[in-house]
Amino acid sequence: MKKLSALLMAIALYAPLPAQAQQLDLATVTCKDFIASDKQTIGLILMWLEGYYSDTDAKPIVDFDKMKADGGKLGEYCGKNPGHSLITAADEVFGP
């Protein structure tokens, strides 16, 4: 949980400050929406997913090579299943 909190804090510090609060409910995002997103949004979502699916006692390391590989797998899955929810796709790619 500490790792996820630190990750979210780092993202918040580097994200541009919006004029109003922005939220993204990943439960409602489809694979089609994800693929159509800009690179920055895709990167932020991938970073969040890596933290969410990591072990609770894992070291606080951001492995960009793993994130890139997992992102490729997620993109491939989503390309074949554009109607699936992003969380369903992530469960397939990041899950056990």
N, C-alpha and C. Protein backbone atom coordinates (compact mmCIF):
# COMPACT_ATOMS: atom_id res chain seq x y z
N MET A 1 0.83 -1.19 0.00
CA MET A 1 0.00 0.00 0.00
C MET A 1 0.87 1.25 0.00
N LYS A 2 1.99 1.20 0.74
CA LYS A 2 2.89 2.35 0.76
C LYS A 2 3.43 2.63 -0.63
N LYS A 3 3.75 1.56 -1.37
CA LYS A 3 4.31 1.71 -2.71
C LYS A 3 3.29 2.39 -3.62
N LEU A 4 2.06 1.98 -3.54
CA LEU A 4 1.02 2.57 -4.36
C LEU A 4 0.82 4.03 -4.01
N SER A 5 0.84 4.36 -2.74
CA SER A 5 0.69 5.75 -2.31
C SER A 5 1.83 6.60 -2.83
N ALA A 6 3.05 6.09 -2.74
CA ALA A 6 4.22 6.83 -3.23
C ALA A 6 4.14 7.02 -4.74
N LEU A 7 3.70 5.99 -5.44
CA LEU A 7 3.57 6.06 -6.88
C LEU A 7 2.54 7.11 -7.29
N LEU A 8 1.41 7.10 -6.63
CA LEU A 8 0.36 8.08 -6.94
C LEU A 8 0.82 9.50 -6.61
N MET A 9 1.59 9.65 -5.54
CA MET A 9 2.11 10.97 -5.18
C MET A 9 3.08 11.46 -6.26
N ALA A 10 3.94 10.58 -6.74
CA ALA A 10 4.90 10.96 -7.79
C ALA A 10 4.17 11.37 -9.06
N ILE A 11 3.15 10.63 -9.41
CA ILE A 11 2.37 10.97 -10.60
C ILE A 11 1.70 12.32 -10.43
N ALA A 12 1.14 12.55 -9.25
CA ALA A 12 0.46 13.82 -9.00
C ALA A 12 1.41 15.00 -9.08
N LEU A 13 2.65 14.81 -8.64
CA LEU A 13 3.63 15.90 -8.67
C LEU A 13 4.06 16.24 -10.09
N TYR A 14 4.08 15.26 -10.98
CA TYR A 14 4.54 15.49 -12.34
C TYR A 14 3.40 15.78 -13.32
N ALA A 15 2.19 15.55 -12.93
CA ALA A 15 1.06 15.82 -13.82
C ALA A 15 0.76 17.31 -13.82
N PRO A 16 0.38 17.84 -14.97
CA PRO A 16 0.02 19.26 -14.99
C PRO A 16 -1.22 19.52 -14.12
N LEU A 17 -1.26 20.68 -13.51
CA LEU A 17 -2.38 20.99 -12.64
C LEU A 17 -3.60 21.36 -13.48
N PRO A 18 -4.69 20.62 -13.34
CA PRO A 18 -5.88 20.93 -14.11
C PRO A 18 -6.64 22.12 -13.52
N ALA A 19 -7.43 22.75 -14.35
CA ALA A 19 -8.25 23.86 -13.88
C ALA A 19 -9.31 23.34 -12.91
N GLN A 20 -9.72 22.11 -13.11
CA GLN A 20 -10.67 21.48 -12.20
C GLN A 20 -10.21 20.04 -11.97
N ALA A 21 -10.72 19.43 -10.93
CA ALA A 21 -10.31 18.08 -10.61
C ALA A 21 -10.69 17.13 -11.74
N GLN A 22 -9.79 16.19 -12.04
CA GLN A 22 -10.06 15.19 -13.06
C GLN A 22 -10.01 13.81 -12.43
N GLN A 23 -10.88 12.94 -12.88
CA GLN A 23 -10.90 11.58 -12.40
C GLN A 23 -11.08 10.65 -13.59
N LEU A 24 -10.55 9.45 -13.46
CA LEU A 24 -10.73 8.43 -14.48
C LEU A 24 -11.12 7.15 -13.77
N ASP A 25 -12.32 6.70 -13.99
CA ASP A 25 -12.81 5.47 -13.39
C ASP A 25 -12.40 4.32 -14.30
N LEU A 26 -11.35 3.60 -13.93
CA LEU A 26 -10.84 2.54 -14.78
C LEU A 26 -11.84 1.40 -14.97
N ALA A 27 -12.82 1.31 -14.10
CA ALA A 27 -13.84 0.28 -14.25
C ALA A 27 -14.73 0.54 -15.46
N THR A 28 -14.75 1.76 -15.96
CA THR A 28 -15.60 2.11 -17.10
C THR A 28 -14.84 2.24 -18.41
N VAL A 29 -13.51 2.18 -18.35
CA VAL A 29 -12.68 2.33 -19.55
C VAL A 29 -12.65 1.02 -20.32
N THR A 30 -12.91 1.10 -21.63
CA THR A 30 -12.82 -0.09 -22.47
C THR A 30 -11.43 -0.16 -23.10
N CYS A 31 -11.13 -1.30 -23.64
CA CYS A 31 -9.86 -1.44 -24.36
C CYS A 31 -9.79 -0.45 -25.51
N LYS A 32 -10.90 -0.24 -26.18
CA LYS A 32 -10.94 0.72 -27.30
C LYS A 32 -10.59 2.12 -26.81
N ASP A 33 -11.13 2.52 -25.66
CA ASP A 33 -10.83 3.83 -25.08
C ASP A 33 -9.34 3.93 -24.73
N PHE A 34 -8.81 2.87 -24.16
CA PHE A 34 -7.41 2.85 -23.74
C PHE A 34 -6.48 3.02 -24.94
N ILE A 35 -6.72 2.26 -25.98
CA ILE A 35 -5.89 2.34 -27.17
C ILE A 35 -5.96 3.71 -27.82
N ALA A 36 -7.11 4.35 -27.74
CA ALA A 36 -7.31 5.67 -28.36
C ALA A 36 -6.75 6.81 -27.52
N SER A 37 -6.28 6.51 -26.31
CA SER A 37 -5.76 7.55 -25.41
C SER A 37 -4.41 8.07 -25.89
N ASP A 38 -4.05 9.26 -25.41
CA ASP A 38 -2.74 9.82 -25.73
C ASP A 38 -1.66 9.09 -24.94
N LYS A 39 -0.40 9.24 -25.36
CA LYS A 39 0.72 8.51 -24.76
C LYS A 39 0.86 8.80 -23.27
N GLN A 40 0.63 10.03 -22.86
CA GLN A 40 0.77 10.38 -21.45
C GLN A 40 -0.26 9.65 -20.61
N THR A 41 -1.50 9.61 -21.07
CA THR A 41 -2.56 8.92 -20.33
C THR A 41 -2.28 7.43 -20.25
N ILE A 42 -1.85 6.84 -21.37
CA ILE A 42 -1.51 5.42 -21.39
C ILE A 42 -0.39 5.15 -20.39
N GLY A 43 0.63 6.00 -20.38
CA GLY A 43 1.74 5.82 -19.45
C GLY A 43 1.30 5.89 -18.00
N LEU A 44 0.44 6.85 -17.69
CA LEU A 44 -0.04 6.98 -16.31
C LEU A 44 -0.88 5.77 -15.90
N ILE A 45 -1.72 5.30 -16.81
CA ILE A 45 -2.55 4.13 -16.50
C ILE A 45 -1.67 2.90 -16.32
N LEU A 46 -0.68 2.72 -17.19
CA LEU A 46 0.23 1.58 -17.05
C LEU A 46 0.98 1.63 -15.73
N MET A 47 1.43 2.81 -15.35
CA MET A 47 2.15 2.97 -14.09
C MET A 47 1.23 2.58 -12.92
N TRP A 48 -0.01 3.03 -12.97
CA TRP A 48 -0.96 2.70 -11.90
C TRP A 48 -1.21 1.20 -11.87
N LEU A 49 -1.41 0.59 -13.04
CA LEU A 49 -1.68 -0.85 -13.10
C LEU A 49 -0.50 -1.65 -12.56
N GLU A 50 0.73 -1.25 -12.90
CA GLU A 50 1.91 -1.95 -12.39
C GLU A 50 1.92 -1.93 -10.86
N GLY A 51 1.60 -0.79 -10.27
CA GLY A 51 1.55 -0.69 -8.82
C GLY A 51 0.40 -1.50 -8.22
N TYR A 52 -0.75 -1.42 -8.86
CA TYR A 52 -1.94 -2.11 -8.36
C TYR A 52 -1.75 -3.63 -8.36
N TYR A 53 -1.12 -4.15 -9.41
CA TYR A 53 -0.96 -5.60 -9.54
C TYR A 53 0.33 -6.13 -8.94
N SER A 54 1.14 -5.29 -8.31
CA SER A 54 2.38 -5.78 -7.70
C SER A 54 2.08 -6.37 -6.33
N ASP A 55 2.98 -7.21 -5.86
CA ASP A 55 2.84 -7.81 -4.53
C ASP A 55 2.91 -6.71 -3.48
N THR A 56 2.19 -6.89 -2.39
CA THR A 56 2.16 -5.87 -1.35
C THR A 56 3.51 -5.68 -0.68
N ASP A 57 4.34 -6.71 -0.67
CA ASP A 57 5.65 -6.59 -0.04
C ASP A 57 6.79 -6.44 -1.06
N ALA A 58 6.45 -6.14 -2.30
CA ALA A 58 7.48 -5.96 -3.34
C ALA A 58 8.27 -4.69 -3.07
N LYS A 59 9.51 -4.69 -3.49
CA LYS A 59 10.36 -3.51 -3.32
C LYS A 59 9.81 -2.36 -4.16
N PRO A 60 9.98 -1.13 -3.71
CA PRO A 60 9.45 0.03 -4.43
C PRO A 60 10.33 0.40 -5.63
N ILE A 61 10.31 -0.46 -6.64
CA ILE A 61 11.12 -0.27 -7.83
C ILE A 61 10.19 -0.14 -9.04
N VAL A 62 10.44 0.86 -9.86
CA VAL A 62 9.70 1.01 -11.11
C VAL A 62 10.56 0.38 -12.19
N ASP A 63 10.10 -0.72 -12.75
CA ASP A 63 10.82 -1.44 -13.79
C ASP A 63 10.23 -1.03 -15.14
N PHE A 64 10.87 -0.07 -15.79
CA PHE A 64 10.34 0.46 -17.04
C PHE A 64 10.35 -0.56 -18.17
N ASP A 65 11.32 -1.47 -18.16
CA ASP A 65 11.34 -2.53 -19.17
C ASP A 65 10.14 -3.45 -19.01
N LYS A 66 9.83 -3.81 -17.76
CA LYS A 66 8.66 -4.66 -17.50
C LYS A 66 7.38 -3.92 -17.86
N MET A 67 7.34 -2.64 -17.52
CA MET A 67 6.14 -1.85 -17.83
C MET A 67 5.94 -1.78 -19.35
N LYS A 68 7.02 -1.61 -20.09
CA LYS A 68 6.92 -1.56 -21.55
C LYS A 68 6.44 -2.91 -22.10
N ALA A 69 7.00 -4.01 -21.59
CA ALA A 69 6.59 -5.34 -22.04
C ALA A 69 5.13 -5.61 -21.70
N ASP A 70 4.75 -5.28 -20.46
CA ASP A 70 3.35 -5.49 -20.05
C ASP A 70 2.42 -4.59 -20.86
N GLY A 71 2.86 -3.37 -21.16
CA GLY A 71 2.06 -2.46 -21.98
C GLY A 71 1.84 -3.03 -23.37
N GLY A 72 2.87 -3.66 -23.92
CA GLY A 72 2.73 -4.30 -25.23
C GLY A 72 1.73 -5.44 -25.19
N LYS A 73 1.79 -6.24 -24.12
CA LYS A 73 0.84 -7.35 -23.97
C LYS A 73 -0.58 -6.81 -23.80
N LEU A 74 -0.71 -5.74 -23.02
CA LEU A 74 -2.04 -5.15 -22.80
C LEU A 74 -2.57 -4.57 -24.10
N GLY A 75 -1.71 -3.89 -24.86
CA GLY A 75 -2.12 -3.34 -26.15
C GLY A 75 -2.53 -4.42 -27.13
N GLU A 76 -1.80 -5.53 -27.14
CA GLU A 76 -2.13 -6.66 -28.02
C GLU A 76 -3.49 -7.25 -27.64
N TYR A 77 -3.69 -7.46 -26.33
CA TYR A 77 -4.97 -8.00 -25.85
C TYR A 77 -6.11 -7.06 -26.22
N CYS A 78 -5.90 -5.77 -25.97
CA CYS A 78 -6.96 -4.79 -26.23
C CYS A 78 -7.24 -4.66 -27.73
N GLY A 79 -6.21 -4.80 -28.55
CA GLY A 79 -6.41 -4.75 -29.99
C GLY A 79 -7.30 -5.88 -30.49
N LYS A 80 -7.20 -7.03 -29.84
CA LYS A 80 -8.01 -8.19 -30.22
C LYS A 80 -9.39 -8.17 -29.55
N ASN A 81 -9.52 -7.40 -28.46
CA ASN A 81 -10.77 -7.39 -27.67
C ASN A 81 -11.17 -5.96 -27.32
N PRO A 82 -11.46 -5.11 -28.30
CA PRO A 82 -11.73 -3.69 -28.02
C PRO A 82 -12.94 -3.44 -27.14
N GLY A 83 -13.87 -4.35 -27.08
CA GLY A 83 -15.06 -4.16 -26.27
C GLY A 83 -14.90 -4.55 -24.81
N HIS A 84 -13.81 -5.23 -24.48
CA HIS A 84 -13.59 -5.65 -23.09
C HIS A 84 -13.22 -4.44 -22.23
N SER A 85 -13.51 -4.56 -20.95
CA SER A 85 -13.11 -3.49 -20.04
C SER A 85 -11.59 -3.57 -19.84
N LEU A 86 -11.00 -2.43 -19.57
CA LEU A 86 -9.56 -2.39 -19.35
C LEU A 86 -9.16 -3.24 -18.16
N ILE A 87 -9.99 -3.26 -17.13
CA ILE A 87 -9.68 -4.06 -15.94
C ILE A 87 -9.71 -5.55 -16.27
N THR A 88 -10.64 -5.99 -17.10
CA THR A 88 -10.66 -7.39 -17.55
C THR A 88 -9.38 -7.71 -18.29
N ALA A 89 -8.96 -6.80 -19.18
CA ALA A 89 -7.72 -6.99 -19.93
C ALA A 89 -6.53 -7.03 -18.98
N ALA A 90 -6.49 -6.11 -18.03
CA ALA A 90 -5.37 -6.06 -17.07
C ALA A 90 -5.32 -7.31 -16.22
N ASP A 91 -6.48 -7.84 -15.83
CA ASP A 91 -6.50 -9.08 -15.07
C ASP A 91 -5.84 -10.21 -15.87
N GLU A 92 -6.07 -10.23 -17.18
CA GLU A 92 -5.49 -11.26 -18.04
C GLU A 92 -3.97 -11.06 -18.17
N VAL A 93 -3.53 -9.82 -18.30
CA VAL A 93 -2.12 -9.53 -18.54
C VAL A 93 -1.30 -9.47 -17.26
N PHE A 94 -1.80 -8.77 -16.26
CA PHE A 94 -1.05 -8.52 -15.02
C PHE A 94 -1.35 -9.53 -13.93
N GLY A 95 -2.50 -10.17 -14.02
CA GLY A 95 -2.93 -11.07 -12.95
C GLY A 95 -2.10 -12.33 -12.88
N PRO A 96 -2.34 -13.12 -11.84
CA PRO A 96 -1.56 -14.34 -11.61
C PRO A 96 -1.79 -15.40 -12.67
